[in-house]
């Protein structure tokens, strides 16, 4: 039960949903999730830990990593190429390394593992 609650709360952060008090609209089309929202409070992607990532269901983990990579690359437009194959290879590496240091920021872990691939 606790794992399910953590999974749902992290998923809400990852796809951009906000707390129940916030106004948000989420839609999916052709596998792309888009949101339109009014944020009142929520967890920033930089603050999500490896422990929270590991609590996600297996089918959600690639989406979480893809979102984090896209979020990080948005800060550097010159590096805007997104490689789907790299994300697929990155998931097991991030999972393995997150188990070693579960308190580490997920975004920091992804950055470090991307440099190694």
Protein backbone atom coordinates (compact mmCIF):
# COMPACT_ATOMS: atom_id res chain seq x y z
CA UNK A 1 0.00 0.00 0.00
CA UNK A 2 2.80 2.40 0.94
CA UNK A 3 4.59 1.62 -2.33
CA UNK A 4 1.41 2.31 -4.29
CA UNK A 5 0.99 5.67 -2.60
CA UNK A 6 4.61 6.64 -3.31
CA UNK A 7 4.23 5.48 -6.92
CA UNK A 8 1.11 7.51 -7.46
CA UNK A 9 2.54 10.64 -5.87
CA UNK A 10 5.75 10.45 -7.93
CA UNK A 11 3.82 9.73 -11.09
CA UNK A 12 1.71 12.79 -10.40
CA UNK A 13 4.89 14.85 -10.14
CA UNK A 14 6.45 13.33 -13.23
CA UNK A 15 3.52 13.88 -15.59
CA UNK A 16 2.89 17.33 -14.25
CA UNK A 17 -0.26 16.74 -12.26
CA UNK A 18 -0.60 18.81 -9.13
CA UNK A 19 -2.26 18.50 -5.78
CA UNK A 20 -6.03 18.04 -5.60
CA UNK A 21 -6.49 21.73 -4.86
CA UNK A 22 -4.84 22.78 -8.16
CA UNK A 23 -6.60 23.01 -11.50
CA UNK A 24 -5.09 20.66 -14.09
CA UNK A 25 -5.99 18.98 -17.34
CA UNK A 26 -4.04 15.95 -18.53
CA UNK A 27 -4.45 14.42 -21.97
CA UNK A 28 -2.65 11.67 -23.85
CA UNK A 29 -2.43 11.42 -27.61
CA UNK A 30 -0.18 9.14 -29.66
CA UNK A 31 1.73 8.21 -26.51
CA UNK A 32 2.49 11.86 -25.60
CA UNK A 33 1.24 13.20 -22.29
CA UNK A 34 0.47 16.90 -22.20
CA UNK A 35 -0.70 18.99 -19.30
CA UNK A 36 -2.33 22.32 -18.82
CA UNK A 37 -2.17 23.33 -15.21
CA UNK A 38 -2.32 25.91 -12.50
CA UNK A 39 0.30 24.95 -9.96
CA UNK A 40 -0.31 25.62 -6.31
CA UNK A 41 2.22 23.22 -4.88
CA UNK A 42 3.99 20.05 -5.91
CA UNK A 43 7.37 18.35 -5.91
CA UNK A 44 9.94 19.70 -8.34
CA UNK A 45 11.75 17.20 -10.56
CA UNK A 46 15.09 18.21 -9.02
CA UNK A 47 13.86 17.02 -5.61
CA UNK A 48 12.70 13.52 -6.61
CA UNK A 49 14.98 10.90 -5.08
CA UNK A 50 16.15 7.55 -6.37
CA UNK A 51 14.09 5.91 -3.60
CA UNK A 52 10.92 7.47 -5.02
CA UNK A 53 11.92 6.42 -8.54
CA UNK A 54 12.49 2.81 -7.44
CA UNK A 55 9.00 2.75 -5.93
CA UNK A 56 7.42 3.32 -9.36
CA UNK A 57 5.87 0.48 -11.35
CA UNK A 58 8.22 -0.93 -14.00
CA UNK A 59 6.18 0.36 -16.94
CA UNK A 60 6.31 3.93 -15.57
CA UNK A 61 10.10 4.09 -15.03
CA UNK A 62 11.04 4.70 -18.70
CA UNK A 63 8.50 7.54 -18.86
CA UNK A 64 9.91 9.09 -15.69
CA UNK A 65 13.45 8.94 -17.06
CA UNK A 66 12.37 10.32 -20.44
CA UNK A 67 10.62 13.21 -18.72
CA UNK A 68 13.68 13.96 -16.56
CA UNK A 69 16.04 13.83 -19.56
CA UNK A 70 13.75 16.10 -21.57
CA UNK A 71 13.44 18.50 -18.65
CA UNK A 72 17.22 18.62 -18.27
CA UNK A 73 17.87 19.07 -22.00
CA UNK A 74 15.35 21.92 -22.21
CA UNK A 75 17.86 24.02 -20.28
CA UNK A 76 20.44 23.51 -23.07
CA UNK A 77 18.80 24.07 -26.47
CA UNK A 78 22.03 23.30 -28.33
CA UNK A 79 21.80 19.75 -26.94
CA UNK A 80 18.16 19.21 -27.88
CA UNK A 81 18.45 15.79 -29.60
CA UNK A 82 16.46 13.16 -27.71
CA UNK A 83 17.57 9.56 -28.22
CA UNK A 84 14.82 7.06 -27.33
CA UNK A 85 17.25 4.12 -27.54
CA UNK A 86 19.48 5.76 -24.92
CA UNK A 87 16.53 6.04 -22.56
CA UNK A 88 15.80 2.33 -22.99
CA UNK A 89 19.43 1.50 -22.16
CA UNK A 90 19.45 4.01 -19.31
CA UNK A 91 16.55 2.53 -17.30
CA UNK A 92 18.36 -0.58 -15.97
CA UNK A 93 21.54 1.41 -15.29
CA UNK A 94 19.67 4.05 -13.29
CA UNK A 95 17.75 1.37 -11.38
CA UNK A 96 20.96 -0.44 -10.43
CA UNK A 97 22.75 2.74 -9.33
CA UNK A 98 19.71 4.08 -7.49
CA UNK A 99 19.65 0.95 -5.34
CA UNK A 100 23.20 1.76 -4.22
CA UNK A 101 22.45 5.38 -3.23
CA UNK A 102 18.65 5.71 -2.77
CA UNK A 103 18.81 9.19 -1.22
CA UNK A 104 20.49 10.69 -4.30
CA UNK A 105 18.54 13.02 -6.58
CA UNK A 106 17.12 11.16 -9.58
CA UNK A 107 18.14 13.98 -11.92
CA UNK A 108 21.75 13.86 -10.67
CA UNK A 109 21.81 10.07 -11.09
CA UNK A 110 20.48 10.33 -14.65
CA UNK A 111 23.04 13.01 -15.58
CA UNK A 112 25.90 10.86 -14.26
CA UNK A 113 24.68 7.72 -16.01
CA UNK A 114 24.07 9.51 -19.31
CA UNK A 115 27.71 10.62 -19.38
CA UNK A 116 28.79 6.98 -19.06
CA UNK A 117 26.62 5.68 -21.90
